[in-house]
Amino acid sequence: MDNHQKKKRKPEEDMELKELHKVWGPVEAEIIKSYLESNGIACILRGRVVQSVHPFSADGLGEIKILVAEQDYHIAQELLKKKVDL
């Protein structure tokens, strides 16, 4: 990859992501995401289905994974332990 292509890459493409936590609904996922971001930790929500289209959980389809950069994992884990009853 030449330098020109490297400059066009988005920062999240360079991040190594690590799964922080799993939840079973978009509301809980958004609350955790907002909490982490308010503390300076970017995160990504990843699920198998779009919750607005299929708002149910069956056989793990409603599962939403909260991913953070590997470098932020331990800080994010401590933040969740302090404020969220997991």
PDB file of N, CA and C in Angstrom:
ATOM      1  N   MET A   1       0.860  -1.176   0.000  1.00  0.00           N
ATOM      2  CA  MET A   1       0.000   0.000   0.000  1.00  0.00           C
ATOM      3  C   MET A   1       0.902   1.234   0.000  1.00  0.00           C
ATOM      4  N   ASP A   2       0.667   2.134  -0.930  1.00  0.00           N
ATOM      5  CA  ASP A   2       1.498   3.327  -0.982  1.00  0.00           C
ATOM      6  C   ASP A   2       0.996   4.387   0.001  1.00  0.00           C
ATOM      7  N   ASN A   3       1.767   5.445   0.171  1.00  0.00           N
ATOM      8  CA  ASN A   3       1.428   6.496   1.140  1.00  0.00           C
ATOM      9  C   ASN A   3       0.092   7.168   0.846  1.00  0.00           C
ATOM     10  N   HIS A   4      -0.225   7.338  -0.444  1.00  0.00           N
ATOM     11  CA  HIS A   4      -1.487   7.974  -0.812  1.00  0.00           C
ATOM     12  C   HIS A   4      -2.679   7.157  -0.312  1.00  0.00           C
ATOM     13  N   GLN A   5      -2.616   5.846  -0.459  1.00  0.00           N
ATOM     14  CA  GLN A   5      -3.701   4.974   0.007  1.00  0.00           C
ATOM     15  C   GLN A   5      -3.782   4.975   1.525  1.00  0.00           C
ATOM     16  N   LYS A   6      -2.655   5.031   2.206  1.00  0.00           N
ATOM     17  CA  LYS A   6      -2.653   5.052   3.666  1.00  0.00           C
ATOM     18  C   LYS A   6      -3.355   6.296   4.197  1.00  0.00           C
ATOM     19  N   LYS A   7      -3.169   7.432   3.546  1.00  0.00           N
ATOM     20  CA  LYS A   7      -3.786   8.668   3.987  1.00  0.00           C
ATOM     21  C   LYS A   7      -5.301   8.632   3.854  1.00  0.00           C
ATOM     22  N   LYS A   8      -5.816   7.865   2.902  1.00  0.00           N
ATOM     23  CA  LYS A   8      -7.258   7.791   2.683  1.00  0.00           C
ATOM     24  C   LYS A   8      -7.956   6.849   3.654  1.00  0.00           C
ATOM     25  N   ARG A   9      -7.223   6.004   4.334  1.00  0.00           N
ATOM     26  CA  ARG A   9      -7.833   5.058   5.268  1.00  0.00           C
ATOM     27  C   ARG A   9      -8.405   5.795   6.462  1.00  0.00           C
ATOM     28  N   LYS A  10      -9.523   5.323   6.935  1.00  0.00           N
ATOM     29  CA  LYS A  10     -10.154   5.901   8.116  1.00  0.00           C
ATOM     30  C   LYS A  10      -9.444   5.380   9.359  1.00  0.00           C
ATOM     31  N   PRO A  11      -9.397   6.160  10.430  1.00  0.00           N
ATOM     32  CA  PRO A  11      -8.719   5.719  11.656  1.00  0.00           C
ATOM     33  C   PRO A  11      -9.258   4.394  12.189  1.00  0.00           C
ATOM     34  N   GLU A  12     -10.583   4.180  12.099  1.00  0.00           N
ATOM     35  CA  GLU A  12     -11.138   2.939  12.642  1.00  0.00           C
ATOM     36  C   GLU A  12     -10.694   1.704  11.864  1.00  0.00           C
ATOM     37  N   GLU A  13     -10.222   1.894  10.619  1.00  0.00           N
ATOM     38  CA  GLU A  13      -9.716   0.764   9.851  1.00  0.00           C
ATOM     39  C   GLU A  13      -8.367   0.293  10.393  1.00  0.00           C
ATOM     40  N   ASP A  14      -7.650   1.163  11.080  1.00  0.00           N
ATOM     41  CA  ASP A  14      -6.345   0.825  11.621  1.00  0.00           C
ATOM     42  C   ASP A  14      -6.423   0.270  13.042  1.00  0.00           C
ATOM     43  N   MET A  15      -7.581   0.399  13.678  1.00  0.00           N
ATOM     44  CA  MET A  15      -7.718  -0.024  15.069  1.00  0.00           C
ATOM     45  C   MET A  15      -7.900  -1.531  15.185  1.00  0.00           C
ATOM     46  N   GLU A  16      -7.288  -2.082  16.186  1.00  0.00           N
ATOM     47  CA  GLU A  16      -7.568  -3.459  16.572  1.00  0.00           C
ATOM     48  C   GLU A  16      -8.693  -3.381  17.587  1.00  0.00           C
ATOM     49  N   LEU A  17      -9.814  -4.018  17.302  1.00  0.00           N
ATOM     50  CA  LEU A  17     -10.963  -3.945  18.187  1.00  0.00           C
ATOM     51  C   LEU A  17     -11.034  -5.159  19.091  1.00  0.00           C
ATOM     52  N   LYS A  18     -11.588  -4.938  20.268  1.00  0.00           N
ATOM     53  CA  LYS A  18     -11.756  -6.010  21.244  1.00  0.00           C
ATOM     54  C   LYS A  18     -13.161  -5.916  21.816  1.00  0.00           C
ATOM     55  N   GLU A  19     -13.809  -7.059  21.956  1.00  0.00           N
ATOM     56  CA  GLU A  19     -15.166  -7.081  22.489  1.00  0.00           C
ATOM     57  C   GLU A  19     -15.149  -6.789  23.979  1.00  0.00           C
ATOM     58  N   LEU A  20     -15.857  -5.749  24.357  1.00  0.00           N
ATOM     59  CA  LEU A  20     -15.927  -5.332  25.750  1.00  0.00           C
ATOM     60  C   LEU A  20     -17.079  -6.009  26.484  1.00  0.00           C
ATOM     61  N   HIS A  21     -18.225  -6.066  25.819  1.00  0.00           N
ATOM     62  CA  HIS A  21     -19.429  -6.566  26.488  1.00  0.00           C
ATOM     63  C   HIS A  21     -20.482  -6.907  25.443  1.00  0.00           C
ATOM     64  N   LYS A  22     -21.453  -7.742  25.836  1.00  0.00           N
ATOM     65  CA  LYS A  22     -22.601  -8.066  24.988  1.00  0.00           C
ATOM     66  C   LYS A  22     -23.873  -7.668  25.717  1.00  0.00           C
ATOM     67  N   VAL A  23     -24.827  -7.154  24.960  1.00  0.00           N
ATOM     68  CA  VAL A  23     -26.140  -6.819  25.511  1.00  0.00           C
ATOM     69  C   VAL A  23     -27.199  -7.383  24.569  1.00  0.00           C
ATOM     70  N   TRP A  24     -28.448  -7.342  25.028  1.00  0.00           N
ATOM     71  CA  TRP A  24     -29.533  -7.942  24.248  1.00  0.00           C
ATOM     72  C   TRP A  24     -30.543  -6.930  23.753  1.00  0.00           C
ATOM     73  N   GLY A  25     -30.165  -5.695  23.658  1.00  0.00           N
ATOM     74  CA  GLY A  25     -31.088  -4.702  23.136  1.00  0.00           C
ATOM     75  C   GLY A  25     -30.402  -3.401  22.802  1.00  0.00           C
ATOM     76  N   PRO A  26     -30.970  -2.657  21.875  1.00  0.00           N
ATOM     77  CA  PRO A  26     -30.343  -1.414  21.430  1.00  0.00           C
ATOM     78  C   PRO A  26     -30.334  -0.308  22.478  1.00  0.00           C
ATOM     79  N   VAL A  27     -31.306  -0.288  23.367  1.00  0.00           N
ATOM     80  CA  VAL A  27     -31.341   0.772  24.381  1.00  0.00           C
ATOM     81  C   VAL A  27     -30.153   0.637  25.319  1.00  0.00           C
ATOM     82  N   GLU A  28     -29.939  -0.553  25.833  1.00  0.00           N
ATOM     83  CA  GLU A  28     -28.802  -0.783  26.736  1.00  0.00           C
ATOM     84  C   GLU A  28     -27.481  -0.519  26.017  1.00  0.00           C
ATOM     85  N   ALA A  29     -27.383  -0.943  24.758  1.00  0.00           N
ATOM     86  CA  ALA A  29     -26.162  -0.731  23.984  1.00  0.00           C
ATOM     87  C   ALA A  29     -25.874   0.760  23.809  1.00  0.00           C
ATOM     88  N   GLU A  30     -26.904   1.537  23.514  1.00  0.00           N
ATOM     89  CA  GLU A  30     -26.725   2.976  23.316  1.00  0.00           C
ATOM     90  C   GLU A  30     -26.355   3.689  24.616  1.00  0.00           C
ATOM     91  N   ILE A  31     -26.906   3.231  25.725  1.00  0.00           N
ATOM     92  CA  ILE A  31     -26.558   3.825  27.022  1.00  0.00           C
ATOM     93  C   ILE A  31     -25.084   3.597  27.328  1.00  0.00           C
ATOM     94  N   ILE A  32     -24.624   2.370  27.135  1.00  0.00           N
ATOM     95  CA  ILE A  32     -23.215   2.053  27.395  1.00  0.00           C
ATOM     96  C   ILE A  32     -22.319   2.822  26.433  1.00  0.00           C
ATOM     97  N   LYS A  33     -22.709   2.877  25.168  1.00  0.00           N
ATOM     98  CA  LYS A  33     -21.917   3.618  24.179  1.00  0.00           C
ATOM     99  C   LYS A  33     -21.801   5.087  24.574  1.00  0.00           C
ATOM    100  N   SER A  34     -22.912   5.698  24.945  1.00  0.00           N
ATOM    101  CA  SER A  34     -22.895   7.111  25.349  1.00  0.00           C
ATOM    102  C   SER A  34     -22.013   7.329  26.569  1.00  0.00           C
ATOM    103  N   TYR A  35     -22.106   6.422  27.530  1.00  0.00           N
ATOM    104  CA  TYR A  35     -21.292   6.525  28.743  1.00  0.00           C
ATOM    105  C   TYR A  35     -19.805   6.451  28.412  1.00  0.00           C
ATOM    106  N   LEU A  36     -19.426   5.475  27.583  1.00  0.00           N
ATOM    107  CA  LEU A  36     -18.019   5.330  27.221  1.00  0.00           C
ATOM    108  C   LEU A  36     -17.523   6.551  26.445  1.00  0.00           C
ATOM    109  N   GLU A  37     -18.324   6.999  25.484  1.00  0.00           N
ATOM    110  CA  GLU A  37     -17.910   8.150  24.679  1.00  0.00           C
ATOM    111  C   GLU A  37     -17.817   9.426  25.513  1.00  0.00           C
ATOM    112  N   SER A  38     -18.670   9.554  26.529  1.00  0.00           N
ATOM    113  CA  SER A  38     -18.580  10.738  27.396  1.00  0.00           C
ATOM    114  C   SER A  38     -17.314  10.712  28.245  1.00  0.00           C
ATOM    115  N   ASN A  39     -16.702   9.543  28.344  1.00  0.00           N
ATOM    116  CA  ASN A  39     -15.438   9.399  29.060  1.00  0.00           C
ATOM    117  C   ASN A  39     -14.251   9.293  28.099  1.00  0.00           C
ATOM    118  N   GLY A  40     -14.477   9.656  26.833  1.00  0.00           N
ATOM    119  CA  GLY A  40     -13.387   9.716  25.866  1.00  0.00           C
ATOM    120  C   GLY A  40     -13.015   8.414  25.199  1.00  0.00           C
ATOM    121  N   ILE A  41     -13.866   7.401  25.292  1.00  0.00           N
ATOM    122  CA  ILE A  41     -13.559   6.108  24.683  1.00  0.00           C
ATOM    123  C   ILE A  41     -14.541   5.858  23.545  1.00  0.00           C
ATOM    124  N   ALA A  42     -14.005   5.782  22.330  1.00  0.00           N
ATOM    125  CA  ALA A  42     -14.835   5.494  21.162  1.00  0.00           C
ATOM    126  C   ALA A  42     -15.199   4.016  21.164  1.00  0.00           C
ATOM    127  N   CYS A  43     -16.403   3.729  20.722  1.00  0.00           N
ATOM    128  CA  CYS A  43     -16.799   2.330  20.627  1.00  0.00           C
ATOM    129  C   CYS A  43     -17.690   2.121  19.419  1.00  0.00           C
ATOM    130  N   ILE A  44     -17.819   0.873  19.042  1.00  0.00           N
ATOM    131  CA  ILE A  44     -18.626   0.472  17.898  1.00  0.00           C
ATOM    132  C   ILE A  44     -19.609  -0.578  18.374  1.00  0.00           C
ATOM    133  N   LEU A  45     -20.846  -0.467  17.912  1.00  0.00           N
ATOM    134  CA  LEU A  45     -21.859  -1.471  18.216  1.00  0.00           C
ATOM    135  C   LEU A  45     -22.015  -2.369  16.999  1.00  0.00           C
ATOM    136  N   ARG A  46     -22.011  -3.674  17.249  1.00  0.00           N
ATOM    137  CA  ARG A  46     -22.139  -4.615  16.139  1.00  0.00           C
ATOM    138  C   ARG A  46     -23.146  -5.692  16.518  1.00  0.00           C
ATOM    139  N   GLY A  47     -24.118  -5.903  15.639  1.00  0.00           N
ATOM    140  CA  GLY A  47     -25.125  -6.933  15.857  1.00  0.00           C
ATOM    141  C   GLY A  47     -25.367  -7.723  14.589  1.00  0.00           C
ATOM    142  N   ARG A  48     -26.139  -8.781  14.714  1.00  0.00           N
ATOM    143  CA  ARG A  48     -26.431  -9.627  13.553  1.00  0.00           C
ATOM    144  C   ARG A  48     -27.573  -9.095  12.706  1.00  0.00           C
ATOM    145  N   VAL A  49     -28.506  -8.408  13.336  1.00  0.00           N
ATOM    146  CA  VAL A  49     -29.650  -7.867  12.599  1.00  0.00           C
ATOM    147  C   VAL A  49     -29.847  -6.409  12.970  1.00  0.00           C
ATOM    148  N   VAL A  50     -30.508  -5.693  12.124  1.00  0.00           N
ATOM    149  CA  VAL A  50     -30.839  -4.304  12.415  1.00  0.00           C
ATOM    150  C   VAL A  50     -32.017  -4.313  13.383  1.00  0.00           C
ATOM    151  N   GLN A  51     -31.809  -3.753  14.569  1.00  0.00           N
ATOM    152  CA  GLN A  51     -32.828  -3.797  15.619  1.00  0.00           C
ATOM    153  C   GLN A  51     -34.114  -3.087  15.223  1.00  0.00           C
ATOM    154  N   SER A  52     -34.034  -2.063  14.406  1.00  0.00           N
ATOM    155  CA  SER A  52     -35.246  -1.352  14.017  1.00  0.00           C
ATOM    156  C   SER A  52     -36.109  -2.169  13.064  1.00  0.00           C
ATOM    157  N   VAL A  53     -35.519  -3.128  12.378  1.00  0.00           N
ATOM    158  CA  VAL A  53     -36.268  -3.985  11.459  1.00  0.00           C
ATOM    159  C   VAL A  53     -36.807  -5.204  12.185  1.00  0.00           C
ATOM    160  N   HIS A  54     -35.978  -5.813  13.019  1.00  0.00           N
ATOM    161  CA  HIS A  54     -36.357  -7.011  13.774  1.00  0.00           C
ATOM    162  C   HIS A  54     -36.106  -6.774  15.259  1.00  0.00           C
ATOM    163  N   PRO A  55     -37.008  -6.083  15.950  1.00  0.00           N
ATOM    164  CA  PRO A  55     -36.779  -5.724  17.355  1.00  0.00           C
ATOM    165  C   PRO A  55     -37.074  -6.871  18.323  1.00  0.00           C
ATOM    166  N   PHE A  56     -36.391  -7.988  18.158  1.00  0.00           N
ATOM    167  CA  PHE A  56     -36.582  -9.128  19.044  1.00  0.00           C
ATOM    168  C   PHE A  56     -35.277  -9.887  19.183  1.00  0.00           C
ATOM    169  N   SER A  57     -35.238 -10.761  20.173  1.00  0.00           N
ATOM    170  CA  SER A  57     -34.068 -11.609  20.394  1.00  0.00           C
ATOM    171  C   SER A  57     -34.482 -13.061  20.303  1.00  0.00           C
ATOM    172  N   ALA A  58     -33.958 -13.754  19.337  1.00  0.00           N
ATOM    173  CA  ALA A  58     -34.211 -15.182  19.188  1.00  0.00           C
ATOM    174  C   ALA A  58     -32.930 -15.835  18.698  1.00  0.00           C
ATOM    175  N   ASP A  59     -32.500 -16.855  19.394  1.00  0.00           N
ATOM    176  CA  ASP A  59     -31.288 -17.589  19.019  1.00  0.00           C
ATOM    177  C   ASP A  59     -30.072 -16.679  18.863  1.00  0.00           C
ATOM    178  N   GLY A  60     -29.984 -15.672  19.704  1.00  0.00           N
ATOM    179  CA  GLY A  60     -28.831 -14.788  19.671  1.00  0.00           C
ATOM    180  C   GLY A  60     -28.884 -13.688  18.632  1.00  0.00           C
ATOM    181  N   LEU A  61     -29.968 -13.594  17.865  1.00  0.00           N
ATOM    182  CA  LEU A  61     -30.042 -12.578  16.818  1.00  0.00           C
ATOM    183  C   LEU A  61     -30.098 -11.165  17.371  1.00  0.00           C
ATOM    184  N   GLY A  62     -30.631 -10.999  18.563  1.00  0.00           N
ATOM    185  CA  GLY A  62     -30.731  -9.661  19.147  1.00  0.00           C
ATOM    186  C   GLY A  62     -29.486  -9.212  19.871  1.00  0.00           C
ATOM    187  N   GLU A  63     -28.486 -10.056  19.900  1.00  0.00           N
ATOM    188  CA  GLU A  63     -27.253  -9.733  20.613  1.00  0.00           C
ATOM    189  C   GLU A  63     -26.512  -8.578  19.940  1.00  0.00           C
ATOM    190  N   ILE A  64     -26.064  -7.654  20.758  1.00  0.00           N
ATOM    191  CA  ILE A  64     -25.263  -6.530  20.269  1.00  0.00           C
ATOM    192  C   ILE A  64     -23.940  -6.549  21.019  1.00  0.00           C
ATOM    193  N   LYS A  65     -22.853  -6.542  20.264  1.00  0.00           N
ATOM    194  CA  LYS A  65     -21.516  -6.528  20.856  1.00  0.00           C
ATOM    195  C   LYS A  65     -21.015  -5.096  20.904  1.00  0.00           C
ATOM    196  N   ILE A  66     -20.391  -4.765  22.020  1.00  0.00           N
ATOM    197  CA  ILE A  66     -19.785  -3.444  22.188  1.00  0.00           C
ATOM    198  C   ILE A  66     -18.282  -3.639  22.034  1.00  0.00           C
ATOM    199  N   LEU A  67     -17.727  -2.998  21.018  1.00  0.00           N
ATOM    200  CA  LEU A  67     -16.314  -3.146  20.700  1.00  0.00           C
ATOM    201  C   LEU A  67     -15.583  -1.835  20.962  1.00  0.00           C
ATOM    202  N   VAL A  68     -14.391  -1.951  21.513  1.00  0.00           N
ATOM    203  CA  VAL A  68     -13.538  -0.785  21.750  1.00  0.00           C
ATOM    204  C   VAL A  68     -12.155  -1.078  21.190  1.00  0.00           C
ATOM    205  N   ALA A  69     -11.384  -0.033  21.013  1.00  0.00           N
ATOM    206  CA  ALA A  69      -9.997  -0.209  20.581  1.00  0.00           C
ATOM    207  C   ALA A  69      -9.264  -1.007  21.653  1.00  0.00           C
ATOM    208  N   GLU A  70      -8.418  -1.888  21.206  1.00  0.00           N
ATOM    209  CA  GLU A  70      -7.674  -2.741  22.142  1.00  0.00           C
ATOM    210  C   GLU A  70      -6.920  -1.915  23.174  1.00  0.00           C
ATOM    211  N   GLN A  71      -6.402  -0.761  22.760  1.00  0.00           N
ATOM    212  CA  GLN A  71      -5.639   0.094  23.682  1.00  0.00           C
ATOM    213  C   GLN A  71      -6.521   0.705  24.770  1.00  0.00           C
ATOM    214  N   ASP A  72      -7.841   0.812  24.519  1.00  0.00           N
ATOM    215  CA  ASP A  72      -8.770   1.387  25.496  1.00  0.00           C
ATOM    216  C   ASP A  72      -9.512   0.338  26.305  1.00  0.00           C
ATOM    217  N   TYR A  73      -9.278  -0.927  26.018  1.00  0.00           N
ATOM    218  CA  TYR A  73     -10.071  -2.010  26.613  1.00  0.00           C
ATOM    219  C   TYR A  73     -10.065  -1.990  28.139  1.00  0.00           C
ATOM    220  N   HIS A  74      -8.907  -1.916  28.751  1.00  0.00           N
ATOM    221  CA  HIS A  74      -8.824  -1.999  30.220  1.00  0.00           C
ATOM    222  C   HIS A  74      -9.476  -0.785  30.891  1.00  0.00           C
ATOM    223  N   ILE A  75      -9.310   0.383  30.306  1.00  0.00           N
ATOM    224  CA  ILE A  75      -9.955   1.575  30.865  1.00  0.00           C
ATOM    225  C   ILE A  75     -11.467   1.455  30.751  1.00  0.00           C
ATOM    226  N   ALA A  76     -11.944   1.020  29.591  1.00  0.00           N
ATOM    227  CA  ALA A  76     -13.385   0.855  29.377  1.00  0.00           C
ATOM    228  C   ALA A  76     -13.958  -0.182  30.331  1.00  0.00           C
ATOM    229  N   GLN A  77     -13.227  -1.255  30.555  1.00  0.00           N
ATOM    230  CA  GLN A  77     -13.659  -2.309  31.471  1.00  0.00           C
ATOM    231  C   GLN A  77     -13.801  -1.758  32.893  1.00  0.00           C
ATOM    232  N   GLU A  78     -12.856  -0.955  33.320  1.00  0.00           N
ATOM    233  CA  GLU A  78     -12.922  -0.357  34.654  1.00  0.00           C
ATOM    234  C   GLU A  78     -14.094   0.624  34.763  1.00  0.00           C
ATOM    235  N   LEU A  79     -14.325   1.407  33.711  1.00  0.00           N
ATOM    236  CA  LEU A  79     -15.450   2.335  33.723  1.00  0.00           C
ATOM    237  C   LEU A  79     -16.777   1.592  33.869  1.00  0.00           C
ATOM    238  N   LEU A  80     -16.929   0.492  33.155  1.00  0.00           N
ATOM    239  CA  LEU A  80     -18.174  -0.277  33.252  1.00  0.00           C
ATOM    240  C   LEU A  80     -18.339  -0.904  34.628  1.00  0.00           C
ATOM    241  N   LYS A  81     -17.263  -1.361  35.205  1.00  0.00           N
ATOM    242  CA  LYS A  81     -17.349  -1.956  36.538  1.00  0.00           C
ATOM    243  C   LYS A  81     -17.797  -0.929  37.568  1.00  0.00           C
ATOM    244  N   LYS A  82     -17.364   0.319  37.392  1.00  0.00           N
ATOM    245  CA  LYS A  82     -17.714   1.378  38.328  1.00  0.00           C
ATOM    246  C   LYS A  82     -19.162   1.789  38.226  1.00  0.00           C
ATOM    247  N   LYS A  83     -19.706   1.872  37.020  1.00  0.00           N
ATOM    248  CA  LYS A  83     -21.008   2.503  36.822  1.00  0.00           C
ATOM    249  C   LYS A  83     -22.127   1.585  36.346  1.00  0.00           C
ATOM    250  N   VAL A  84     -21.814   0.446  35.811  1.00  0.00           N
ATOM    251  CA  VAL A  84     -22.842  -0.422  35.244  1.00  0.00           C
ATOM    252  C   VAL A  84     -22.800  -1.766  35.951  1.00  0.00           C
ATOM    253  N   ASP A  85     -23.917  -2.209  36.416  1.00  0.00           N
ATOM    254  CA  ASP A  85     -24.007  -3.513  37.055  1.00  0.00           C
ATOM    255  C   ASP A  85     -24.074  -4.582  35.990  1.00  0.00           C
ATOM    256  N   LEU A  86     -22.914  -5.192  35.669  1.00  0.00           N
ATOM    257  CA  LEU A  86     -22.864  -6.218  34.648  1.00  0.00           C
ATOM    258  C   LEU A  86     -22.933  -7.551  35.320  1.00  0.00           C
TER     259      LEU A  86
END
